[in-house]
């Protein structure tokens, strides 16, 4: 009788151990980031730090309003983000401040954050999710990935689905309203003058709306074309992505070359950079704005 009881106890212990390990295995969260690395968490992230204003928006879209504990300068959307502690700027991170927050997840910007500082954070043992949306569908995919890492899948799925549905509607509308392709110069900076190639999401917005990026074939994601090369291309439209007053200054510069088609036909436009430069759900607003601007004059 005692032997049976002993065997029963051993079996029970074995089953309990198996259950613990099984539950632990299921609890592990694994998501591939945009650098191709597998990000692993033993439990949903509860202290999240964002290293770019755009990533801040994506974290909120994924349902992370309760869990975001640190943001970089200019993280101003949604309004709630303005109350979150600052941890430097996207290109000059305050590592000491980040460590003091003891985050269980840091969301980093692949092409924007200083690589050496990201490597330092990794060496210090922090879990890093690298983000770099390059296409429209990367936005809902990132929202869902962040939702999985934070355990907020219900919210992330609703917001990602809403984005996909609205994007598909805009895409269909633009397809039906494009009559011709208009040669467009996209200006993202002024000193030096900078533009983007076809792989940049801003360029894909221009293409979707019927524009033809004159520097689509440039080698780098961003480039610094000479004034001479821009004049030689003679764009029909010039779109600047600086803030309101900044864009006015940028665009006024082109007025001195009156032979440019964009100048002759008064096709110099400023677009809210938050709707184009930040690769977030608000890019839908950028698409609407650009498509309206690129309608044939």
C-alpha atoms as a PDB file:
ATOM      1  CA  UNK A   1       0.000   0.000   0.000  1.00  0.00           C
ATOM      2  CA  UNK A   2       2.838   2.338   0.932  1.00  0.00           C
ATOM      3  CA  UNK A   3       4.628   1.409  -2.296  1.00  0.00           C
ATOM      4  CA  UNK A   4       1.553   2.352  -4.363  1.00  0.00           C
ATOM      5  CA  UNK A   5       1.235   5.605  -2.477  1.00  0.00           C
ATOM      6  CA  UNK A   6       4.914   6.338  -3.119  1.00  0.00           C
ATOM      7  CA  UNK A   7       4.553   5.614  -6.840  1.00  0.00           C
ATOM      8  CA  UNK A   8       1.419   7.764  -6.978  1.00  0.00           C
ATOM      9  CA  UNK A   9       3.319  10.633  -5.360  1.00  0.00           C
ATOM     10  CA  UNK A  10       6.159  10.313  -7.877  1.00  0.00           C
ATOM     11  CA  UNK A  11       3.722  10.347 -10.796  1.00  0.00           C
ATOM     12  CA  UNK A  12       1.957  13.380  -9.357  1.00  0.00           C
ATOM     13  CA  UNK A  13       5.242  15.242  -8.912  1.00  0.00           C
ATOM     14  CA  UNK A  14       6.270  14.358 -12.468  1.00  0.00           C
ATOM     15  CA  UNK A  15       2.967  15.634 -13.840  1.00  0.00           C
ATOM     16  CA  UNK A  16       3.264  18.868 -11.870  1.00  0.00           C
ATOM     17  CA  UNK A  17       6.809  19.446 -13.112  1.00  0.00           C
ATOM     18  CA  UNK A  18       5.690  18.750 -16.685  1.00  0.00           C
ATOM     19  CA  UNK A  19       2.817  21.183 -16.292  1.00  0.00           C
ATOM     20  CA  UNK A  20       5.136  23.895 -14.995  1.00  0.00           C
ATOM     21  CA  UNK A  21       7.562  23.478 -17.888  1.00  0.00           C
ATOM     22  CA  UNK A  22       4.707  23.281 -20.403  1.00  0.00           C
ATOM     23  CA  UNK A  23       3.138  26.475 -19.067  1.00  0.00           C
ATOM     24  CA  UNK A  24       6.536  28.190 -19.058  1.00  0.00           C
ATOM     25  CA  UNK A  25       7.159  27.197 -22.677  1.00  0.00           C
ATOM     26  CA  UNK A  26       3.773  28.516 -23.738  1.00  0.00           C
ATOM     27  CA  UNK A  27       4.319  31.772 -21.851  1.00  0.00           C
ATOM     28  CA  UNK A  28       7.498  32.539 -23.777  1.00  0.00           C
ATOM     29  CA  UNK A  29       6.890  35.263 -26.399  1.00  0.00           C
ATOM     30  CA  UNK A  30       8.993  35.244 -29.547  1.00  0.00           C
ATOM     31  CA  UNK A  31       8.730  37.819 -32.347  1.00  0.00           C
ATOM     32  CA  UNK A  32      11.064  38.456 -35.288  1.00  0.00           C
ATOM     33  CA  UNK A  33      12.068  42.119 -35.633  1.00  0.00           C
ATOM     34  CA  UNK A  34      13.069  44.085 -38.751  1.00  0.00           C
ATOM     35  CA  UNK A  35      16.739  43.179 -38.346  1.00  0.00           C
ATOM     36  CA  UNK A  36      15.828  39.497 -38.619  1.00  0.00           C
ATOM     37  CA  UNK A  37      16.529  38.804 -34.940  1.00  0.00           C
ATOM     38  CA  UNK A  38      14.164  36.863 -32.700  1.00  0.00           C
ATOM     39  CA  UNK A  39      13.067  38.978 -29.729  1.00  0.00           C
ATOM     40  CA  UNK A  40      12.206  36.796 -26.743  1.00  0.00           C
ATOM     41  CA  UNK A  41      10.284  37.710 -23.600  1.00  0.00           C
ATOM     42  CA  UNK A  42       9.306  35.369 -20.797  1.00  0.00           C
ATOM     43  CA  UNK A  43       6.210  37.467 -20.130  1.00  0.00           C
ATOM     44  CA  UNK A  44       4.469  40.471 -21.745  1.00  0.00           C
ATOM     45  CA  UNK A  45       6.459  43.715 -21.557  1.00  0.00           C
ATOM     46  CA  UNK A  46       5.295  46.110 -18.861  1.00  0.00           C
ATOM     47  CA  UNK A  47       8.030  48.752 -19.072  1.00  0.00           C
ATOM     48  CA  UNK A  48       8.544  49.850 -22.668  1.00  0.00           C
ATOM     49  CA  UNK A  49      10.906  52.543 -23.945  1.00  0.00           C
ATOM     50  CA  UNK A  50      10.541  54.112 -27.410  1.00  0.00           C
ATOM     51  CA  UNK A  51      13.536  55.508 -29.303  1.00  0.00           C
ATOM     52  CA  UNK A  52      11.720  57.549 -31.969  1.00  0.00           C
ATOM     53  CA  UNK A  53       8.549  59.666 -32.166  1.00  0.00           C
ATOM     54  CA  UNK A  54       7.154  57.346 -34.842  1.00  0.00           C
ATOM     55  CA  UNK A  55       7.742  54.259 -32.710  1.00  0.00           C
ATOM     56  CA  UNK A  56       5.980  55.998 -29.842  1.00  0.00           C
ATOM     57  CA  UNK A  57       2.885  56.296 -32.031  1.00  0.00           C
ATOM     58  CA  UNK A  58       3.127  52.625 -33.019  1.00  0.00           C
ATOM     59  CA  UNK A  59       3.381  51.521 -29.387  1.00  0.00           C
ATOM     60  CA  UNK A  60       0.230  53.470 -28.543  1.00  0.00           C
ATOM     61  CA  UNK A  61      -1.519  51.996 -31.602  1.00  0.00           C
ATOM     62  CA  UNK A  62      -0.575  48.553 -30.332  1.00  0.00           C
ATOM     63  CA  UNK A  63      -2.292  49.240 -27.003  1.00  0.00           C
ATOM     64  CA  UNK A  64       0.758  50.183 -24.962  1.00  0.00           C
ATOM     65  CA  UNK A  65      -0.524  53.372 -23.324  1.00  0.00           C
ATOM     66  CA  UNK A  66      -0.158  51.863 -19.825  1.00  0.00           C
ATOM     67  CA  UNK A  67       3.261  50.393 -20.454  1.00  0.00           C
ATOM     68  CA  UNK A  68       5.281  53.068 -22.254  1.00  0.00           C
ATOM     69  CA  UNK A  69       7.671  54.515 -19.665  1.00  0.00           C
ATOM     70  CA  UNK A  70      10.174  56.500 -21.732  1.00  0.00           C
ATOM     71  CA  UNK A  71      10.170  58.382 -25.043  1.00  0.00           C
ATOM     72  CA  UNK A  72      12.529  60.580 -27.051  1.00  0.00           C
ATOM     73  CA  UNK A  73      12.111  64.289 -27.736  1.00  0.00           C
ATOM     74  CA  UNK A  74       9.299  65.287 -30.152  1.00  0.00           C
ATOM     75  CA  UNK A  75       7.146  62.313 -29.147  1.00  0.00           C
ATOM     76  CA  UNK A  76       4.019  64.440 -29.232  1.00  0.00           C
ATOM     77  CA  UNK A  77       1.315  62.113 -30.544  1.00  0.00           C
ATOM     78  CA  UNK A  78      -1.008  61.053 -29.113  1.00  0.00           C
ATOM     79  CA  UNK A  79      -1.320  63.890 -26.614  1.00  0.00           C
ATOM     80  CA  UNK A  80      -0.709  61.477 -23.747  1.00  0.00           C
ATOM     81  CA  UNK A  81       2.835  60.875 -25.020  1.00  0.00           C
ATOM     82  CA  UNK A  82       3.848  64.397 -23.965  1.00  0.00           C
ATOM     83  CA  UNK A  83       3.598  63.373 -20.303  1.00  0.00           C
ATOM     84  CA  UNK A  84       5.989  60.388 -20.583  1.00  0.00           C
ATOM     85  CA  UNK A  85       9.563  60.888 -19.237  1.00  0.00           C
ATOM     86  CA  UNK A  86      12.166  61.845 -21.859  1.00  0.00           C
ATOM     87  CA  UNK A  87      15.246  59.707 -22.484  1.00  0.00           C
ATOM     88  CA  UNK A  88      17.099  62.024 -24.879  1.00  0.00           C
ATOM     89  CA  UNK A  89      16.572  62.453 -28.608  1.00  0.00           C
ATOM     90  CA  UNK A  90      16.428  59.779 -31.302  1.00  0.00           C
ATOM     91  CA  UNK A  91      20.027  60.553 -32.366  1.00  0.00           C
ATOM     92  CA  UNK A  92      21.469  61.157 -28.881  1.00  0.00           C
ATOM     93  CA  UNK A  93      20.049  58.716 -26.351  1.00  0.00           C
ATOM     94  CA  UNK A  94      20.456  59.161 -22.601  1.00  0.00           C
ATOM     95  CA  UNK A  95      21.589  55.633 -21.734  1.00  0.00           C
ATOM     96  CA  UNK A  96      21.714  56.332 -17.998  1.00  0.00           C
ATOM     97  CA  UNK A  97      18.104  57.504 -18.028  1.00  0.00           C
ATOM     98  CA  UNK A  98      17.024  54.475 -20.052  1.00  0.00           C
ATOM     99  CA  UNK A  99      18.704  52.098 -17.590  1.00  0.00           C
ATOM    100  CA  UNK A 100      17.111  53.873 -14.628  1.00  0.00           C
ATOM    101  CA  UNK A 101      13.668  53.000 -16.040  1.00  0.00           C
ATOM    102  CA  UNK A 102      14.577  49.277 -16.009  1.00  0.00           C
ATOM    103  CA  UNK A 103      12.677  48.561 -19.243  1.00  0.00           C
ATOM    104  CA  UNK A 104      11.831  45.007 -20.204  1.00  0.00           C
ATOM    105  CA  UNK A 105      11.508  46.105 -23.867  1.00  0.00           C
ATOM    106  CA  UNK A 106      13.240  48.846 -25.875  1.00  0.00           C
ATOM    107  CA  UNK A 107      11.852  49.614 -29.335  1.00  0.00           C
ATOM    108  CA  UNK A 108      14.601  51.031 -31.564  1.00  0.00           C
ATOM    109  CA  UNK A 109      14.732  52.706 -34.994  1.00  0.00           C
ATOM    110  CA  UNK A 110      17.156  50.838 -37.241  1.00  0.00           C
ATOM    111  CA  UNK A 111      18.203  53.654 -39.569  1.00  0.00           C
ATOM    112  CA  UNK A 112      17.729  56.539 -37.128  1.00  0.00           C
ATOM    113  CA  UNK A 113      19.217  55.618 -33.755  1.00  0.00           C
ATOM    114  CA  UNK A 114      23.016  55.647 -33.216  1.00  0.00           C
ATOM    115  CA  UNK A 115      24.166  52.059 -33.833  1.00  0.00           C
ATOM    116  CA  UNK A 116      26.847  52.200 -31.148  1.00  0.00           C
ATOM    117  CA  UNK A 117      24.315  53.212 -28.515  1.00  0.00           C
ATOM    118  CA  UNK A 118      21.939  50.396 -29.482  1.00  0.00           C
ATOM    119  CA  UNK A 119      24.841  47.953 -29.204  1.00  0.00           C
ATOM    120  CA  UNK A 120      25.638  49.342 -25.749  1.00  0.00           C
ATOM    121  CA  UNK A 121      22.058  48.753 -24.630  1.00  0.00           C
ATOM    122  CA  UNK A 122      22.241  45.174 -25.910  1.00  0.00           C
ATOM    123  CA  UNK A 123      25.514  44.576 -24.046  1.00  0.00           C
ATOM    124  CA  UNK A 124      23.869  45.887 -20.888  1.00  0.00           C
ATOM    125  CA  UNK A 125      21.316  43.105 -21.225  1.00  0.00           C
ATOM    126  CA  UNK A 126      18.267  45.032 -22.442  1.00  0.00           C
ATOM    127  CA  UNK A 127      15.822  43.384 -24.833  1.00  0.00           C
ATOM    128  CA  UNK A 128      15.723  45.371 -28.094  1.00  0.00           C
ATOM    129  CA  UNK A 129      13.116  45.208 -30.854  1.00  0.00           C
ATOM    130  CA  UNK A 130      14.527  46.824 -34.025  1.00  0.00           C
ATOM    131  CA  UNK A 131      11.927  48.482 -36.245  1.00  0.00           C
ATOM    132  CA  UNK A 132      12.227  49.782 -39.808  1.00  0.00           C
ATOM    133  CA  UNK A 133       8.890  49.907 -41.691  1.00  0.00           C
ATOM    134  CA  UNK A 134       9.662  50.040 -45.420  1.00  0.00           C
ATOM    135  CA  UNK A 135       6.254  49.372 -46.899  1.00  0.00           C
ATOM    136  CA  UNK A 136       2.663  50.250 -46.087  1.00  0.00           C
ATOM    137  CA  UNK A 137       1.852  46.786 -44.737  1.00  0.00           C
ATOM    138  CA  UNK A 138       4.887  46.953 -42.449  1.00  0.00           C
ATOM    139  CA  UNK A 139       2.906  49.400 -40.328  1.00  0.00           C
ATOM    140  CA  UNK A 140       0.093  47.011 -39.290  1.00  0.00           C
ATOM    141  CA  UNK A 141       2.630  44.169 -39.065  1.00  0.00           C
ATOM    142  CA  UNK A 142       4.703  46.191 -36.585  1.00  0.00           C
ATOM    143  CA  UNK A 143       1.607  47.130 -34.591  1.00  0.00           C
ATOM    144  CA  UNK A 144       0.709  43.444 -34.280  1.00  0.00           C
ATOM    145  CA  UNK A 145       4.279  42.484 -33.330  1.00  0.00           C
ATOM    146  CA  UNK A 146       4.356  45.103 -30.571  1.00  0.00           C
ATOM    147  CA  UNK A 147       0.908  43.983 -29.424  1.00  0.00           C
ATOM    148  CA  UNK A 148       2.197  40.438 -29.096  1.00  0.00           C
ATOM    149  CA  UNK A 149       5.231  41.595 -27.109  1.00  0.00           C
ATOM    150  CA  UNK A 150       3.028  43.581 -24.734  1.00  0.00           C
ATOM    151  CA  UNK A 151       0.161  41.105 -24.552  1.00  0.00           C
ATOM    152  CA  UNK A 152      -2.250  43.655 -26.045  1.00  0.00           C
ATOM    153  CA  UNK A 153      -3.223  41.648 -29.130  1.00  0.00           C
ATOM    154  CA  UNK A 154      -6.902  42.604 -28.996  1.00  0.00           C
ATOM    155  CA  UNK A 155      -6.160  46.320 -29.369  1.00  0.00           C
ATOM    156  CA  UNK A 156      -3.320  45.850 -31.849  1.00  0.00           C
ATOM    157  CA  UNK A 157      -5.459  43.678 -34.132  1.00  0.00           C
ATOM    158  CA  UNK A 158      -8.327  46.182 -34.158  1.00  0.00           C
ATOM    159  CA  UNK A 159      -6.001  49.066 -35.045  1.00  0.00           C
ATOM    160  CA  UNK A 160      -3.978  47.105 -37.600  1.00  0.00           C
ATOM    161  CA  UNK A 161      -7.152  45.863 -39.310  1.00  0.00           C
ATOM    162  CA  UNK A 162      -8.544  49.403 -39.397  1.00  0.00           C
ATOM    163  CA  UNK A 163      -5.327  50.608 -41.048  1.00  0.00           C
ATOM    164  CA  UNK A 164      -5.423  47.874 -43.692  1.00  0.00           C
ATOM    165  CA  UNK A 165      -9.062  48.532 -44.533  1.00  0.00           C
ATOM    166  CA  UNK A 166      -8.609  52.285 -44.862  1.00  0.00           C
ATOM    167  CA  UNK A 167      -5.395  51.898 -46.840  1.00  0.00           C
ATOM    168  CA  UNK A 168      -7.056  49.549 -49.323  1.00  0.00           C
ATOM    169  CA  UNK A 169      -9.864  52.070 -49.780  1.00  0.00           C
ATOM    170  CA  UNK A 170      -7.379  54.891 -50.431  1.00  0.00           C
ATOM    171  CA  UNK A 171      -5.383  52.703 -52.810  1.00  0.00           C
ATOM    172  CA  UNK A 172      -8.464  51.873 -54.851  1.00  0.00           C
ATOM    173  CA  UNK A 173      -9.550  55.508 -54.913  1.00  0.00           C
ATOM    174  CA  UNK A 174      -6.133  56.712 -56.049  1.00  0.00           C
ATOM    175  CA  UNK A 175      -6.004  54.062 -58.782  1.00  0.00           C
ATOM    176  CA  UNK A 176      -9.286  55.337 -60.175  1.00  0.00           C
ATOM    177  CA  UNK A 177      -8.228  58.995 -60.089  1.00  0.00           C
ATOM    178  CA  UNK A 178      -4.693  58.946 -61.520  1.00  0.00           C
ATOM    179  CA  UNK A 179      -4.625  60.244 -65.076  1.00  0.00           C
ATOM    180  CA  UNK A 180      -0.899  60.698 -65.613  1.00  0.00           C
ATOM    181  CA  UNK A 181       2.408  60.428 -63.786  1.00  0.00           C
ATOM    182  CA  UNK A 182       3.817  63.738 -62.587  1.00  0.00           C
ATOM    183  CA  UNK A 183       7.578  64.155 -62.149  1.00  0.00           C
ATOM    184  CA  UNK A 184       8.078  65.017 -58.490  1.00  0.00           C
ATOM    185  CA  UNK A 185      11.010  66.185 -56.388  1.00  0.00           C
ATOM    186  CA  UNK A 186      10.670  65.166 -52.723  1.00  0.00           C
ATOM    187  CA  UNK A 187      12.630  67.468 -50.412  1.00  0.00           C
ATOM    188  CA  UNK A 188      13.116  66.158 -46.870  1.00  0.00           C
ATOM    189  CA  UNK A 189      15.873  68.588 -45.826  1.00  0.00           C
ATOM    190  CA  UNK A 190      17.322  71.891 -46.980  1.00  0.00           C
ATOM    191  CA  UNK A 191      20.945  72.237 -45.864  1.00  0.00           C
ATOM    192  CA  UNK A 192      22.112  70.146 -47.545  1.00  0.00           C
ATOM    193  CA  UNK A 193      19.198  69.465 -49.850  1.00  0.00           C
ATOM    194  CA  UNK A 194      18.099  65.880 -49.294  1.00  0.00           C
ATOM    195  CA  UNK A 195      15.702  63.503 -51.020  1.00  0.00           C
ATOM    196  CA  UNK A 196      14.704  59.821 -50.925  1.00  0.00           C
ATOM    197  CA  UNK A 197      14.845  56.890 -53.322  1.00  0.00           C
ATOM    198  CA  UNK A 198      12.092  54.503 -54.411  1.00  0.00           C
ATOM    199  CA  UNK A 199      12.547  52.236 -51.376  1.00  0.00           C
ATOM    200  CA  UNK A 200      11.581  54.963 -48.913  1.00  0.00           C
ATOM    201  CA  UNK A 201       7.967  54.951 -47.759  1.00  0.00           C
ATOM    202  CA  UNK A 202       7.580  58.652 -48.635  1.00  0.00           C
ATOM    203  CA  UNK A 203       8.434  57.817 -52.241  1.00  0.00           C
ATOM    204  CA  UNK A 204       5.868  55.013 -52.189  1.00  0.00           C
ATOM    205  CA  UNK A 205       3.222  57.527 -51.100  1.00  0.00           C
ATOM    206  CA  UNK A 206       4.178  59.731 -54.061  1.00  0.00           C
ATOM    207  CA  UNK A 207       3.946  56.763 -56.451  1.00  0.00           C
ATOM    208  CA  UNK A 208       0.592  55.658 -55.027  1.00  0.00           C
ATOM    209  CA  UNK A 209      -0.778  59.149 -55.673  1.00  0.00           C
ATOM    210  CA  UNK A 210       0.459  59.348 -59.263  1.00  0.00           C
ATOM    211  CA  UNK A 211       3.823  61.006 -58.776  1.00  0.00           C
ATOM    212  CA  UNK A 212       7.131  59.949 -60.313  1.00  0.00           C
ATOM    213  CA  UNK A 213      10.030  60.448 -57.876  1.00  0.00           C
ATOM    214  CA  UNK A 214      12.854  61.996 -59.952  1.00  0.00           C
ATOM    215  CA  UNK A 215      15.466  60.435 -57.649  1.00  0.00           C
ATOM    216  CA  UNK A 216      13.849  57.016 -57.372  1.00  0.00           C
ATOM    217  CA  UNK A 217      16.999  55.352 -58.708  1.00  0.00           C
ATOM    218  CA  UNK A 218      19.372  56.883 -56.143  1.00  0.00           C
ATOM    219  CA  UNK A 219      21.512  54.266 -54.393  1.00  0.00           C
ATOM    220  CA  UNK A 220      20.872  55.240 -50.777  1.00  0.00           C
ATOM    221  CA  UNK A 221      17.539  55.398 -48.984  1.00  0.00           C
ATOM    222  CA  UNK A 222      18.289  59.124 -48.640  1.00  0.00           C
ATOM    223  CA  UNK A 223      20.551  61.173 -50.899  1.00  0.00           C
ATOM    224  CA  UNK A 224      21.951  64.694 -51.283  1.00  0.00           C
ATOM    225  CA  UNK A 225      21.416  65.593 -54.957  1.00  0.00           C
ATOM    226  CA  UNK A 226      23.118  68.708 -56.282  1.00  0.00           C
ATOM    227  CA  UNK A 227      21.066  71.756 -57.191  1.00  0.00           C
ATOM    228  CA  UNK A 228      22.297  71.310 -60.763  1.00  0.00           C
ATOM    229  CA  UNK A 229      20.923  67.777 -60.964  1.00  0.00           C
ATOM    230  CA  UNK A 230      17.548  68.884 -59.622  1.00  0.00           C
ATOM    231  CA  UNK A 231      17.346  71.732 -62.140  1.00  0.00           C
ATOM    232  CA  UNK A 232      18.335  69.345 -64.935  1.00  0.00           C
ATOM    233  CA  UNK A 233      15.467  67.013 -63.964  1.00  0.00           C
ATOM    234  CA  UNK A 234      13.041  69.979 -64.128  1.00  0.00           C
ATOM    235  CA  UNK A 235      10.358  68.526 -61.807  1.00  0.00           C
ATOM    236  CA  UNK A 236       6.710  69.323 -62.393  1.00  0.00           C
ATOM    237  CA  UNK A 237       5.991  69.235 -58.658  1.00  0.00           C
ATOM    238  CA  UNK A 238       8.147  69.935 -55.597  1.00  0.00           C
ATOM    239  CA  UNK A 239       6.954  68.593 -52.244  1.00  0.00           C
ATOM    240  CA  UNK A 240       8.692  69.640 -49.020  1.00  0.00           C
ATOM    241  CA  UNK A 241       8.322  67.771 -45.724  1.00  0.00           C
ATOM    242  CA  UNK A 242       9.547  70.413 -43.290  1.00  0.00           C
ATOM    243  CA  UNK A 243       7.363  71.961 -40.614  1.00  0.00           C
ATOM    244  CA  UNK A 244       5.053  74.764 -41.806  1.00  0.00           C
ATOM    245  CA  UNK A 245       7.399  77.780 -41.539  1.00  0.00           C
ATOM    246  CA  UNK A 246      10.424  75.693 -42.477  1.00  0.00           C
ATOM    247  CA  UNK A 247       8.810  74.402 -45.647  1.00  0.00           C
ATOM    248  CA  UNK A 248       7.925  77.937 -46.730  1.00  0.00           C
ATOM    249  CA  UNK A 249      11.617  78.857 -46.559  1.00  0.00           C
ATOM    250  CA  UNK A 250      12.649  75.706 -48.419  1.00  0.00           C
ATOM    251  CA  UNK A 251      10.096  76.247 -51.174  1.00  0.00           C
ATOM    252  CA  UNK A 252      10.806  79.959 -51.589  1.00  0.00           C
ATOM    253  CA  UNK A 253      14.357  79.069 -52.594  1.00  0.00           C
ATOM    254  CA  UNK A 254      13.135  77.470 -55.812  1.00  0.00           C
ATOM    255  CA  UNK A 255      11.432  80.662 -56.959  1.00  0.00           C
ATOM    256  CA  UNK A 256      14.746  82.015 -58.259  1.00  0.00           C
ATOM    257  CA  UNK A 257      14.680  79.399 -61.042  1.00  0.00           C
ATOM    258  CA  UNK A 258      11.592  80.598 -62.862  1.00  0.00           C
ATOM    259  CA  UNK A 259      12.098  78.173 -65.746  1.00  0.00           C
ATOM    260  CA  UNK A 260      11.274  75.182 -63.546  1.00  0.00           C
ATOM    261  CA  UNK A 261       7.918  73.678 -64.436  1.00  0.00           C
ATOM    262  CA  UNK A 262       7.031  73.386 -60.753  1.00  0.00           C
ATOM    263  CA  UNK A 263       7.660  77.124 -60.305  1.00  0.00           C
ATOM    264  CA  UNK A 264       5.958  78.234 -63.536  1.00  0.00           C
ATOM    265  CA  UNK A 265       2.833  76.237 -62.708  1.00  0.00           C
ATOM    266  CA  UNK A 266       2.851  77.041 -58.981  1.00  0.00           C
ATOM    267  CA  UNK A 267       3.249  73.413 -57.973  1.00  0.00           C
ATOM    268  CA  UNK A 268       5.323  73.941 -54.814  1.00  0.00           C
ATOM    269  CA  UNK A 269       3.736  72.197 -51.837  1.00  0.00           C
ATOM    270  CA  UNK A 270       4.395  71.589 -48.150  1.00  0.00           C
ATOM    271  CA  UNK A 271       3.121  68.431 -46.466  1.00  0.00           C
ATOM    272  CA  UNK A 272       2.913  67.853 -42.717  1.00  0.00           C
ATOM    273  CA  UNK A 273       6.081  65.827 -42.006  1.00  0.00           C
ATOM    274  CA  UNK A 274       4.418  63.955 -39.137  1.00  0.00           C
ATOM    275  CA  UNK A 275       2.117  62.389 -41.721  1.00  0.00           C
ATOM    276  CA  UNK A 276       4.940  61.240 -44.003  1.00  0.00           C
ATOM    277  CA  UNK A 277       8.241  61.042 -42.147  1.00  0.00           C
ATOM    278  CA  UNK A 278       6.762  59.039 -39.265  1.00  0.00           C
ATOM    279  CA  UNK A 279       5.778  55.627 -40.566  1.00  0.00           C
ATOM    280  CA  UNK A 280       2.651  55.226 -38.478  1.00  0.00           C
ATOM    281  CA  UNK A 281      -1.117  54.957 -39.086  1.00  0.00           C
ATOM    282  CA  UNK A 282      -1.134  58.722 -39.660  1.00  0.00           C
ATOM    283  CA  UNK A 283       0.545  58.103 -43.003  1.00  0.00           C
ATOM    284  CA  UNK A 284      -3.023  57.607 -44.214  1.00  0.00           C
ATOM    285  CA  UNK A 285      -3.478  61.356 -43.687  1.00  0.00           C
ATOM    286  CA  UNK A 286      -0.299  61.926 -45.690  1.00  0.00           C
ATOM    287  CA  UNK A 287      -1.636  59.802 -48.548  1.00  0.00           C
ATOM    288  CA  UNK A 288      -4.863  61.808 -48.636  1.00  0.00           C
ATOM    289  CA  UNK A 289      -2.952  65.107 -48.628  1.00  0.00           C
ATOM    290  CA  UNK A 290      -0.414  64.098 -51.296  1.00  0.00           C
ATOM    291  CA  UNK A 291      -3.040  62.575 -53.579  1.00  0.00           C
ATOM    292  CA  UNK A 292      -5.006  65.807 -53.419  1.00  0.00           C
ATOM    293  CA  UNK A 293      -1.891  67.841 -54.278  1.00  0.00           C
ATOM    294  CA  UNK A 294      -0.876  65.645 -57.193  1.00  0.00           C
ATOM    295  CA  UNK A 295      -4.167  65.948 -59.008  1.00  0.00           C
ATOM    296  CA  UNK A 296      -3.527  67.464 -62.415  1.00  0.00           C
ATOM    297  CA  UNK A 297      -3.626  71.284 -62.258  1.00  0.00           C
END
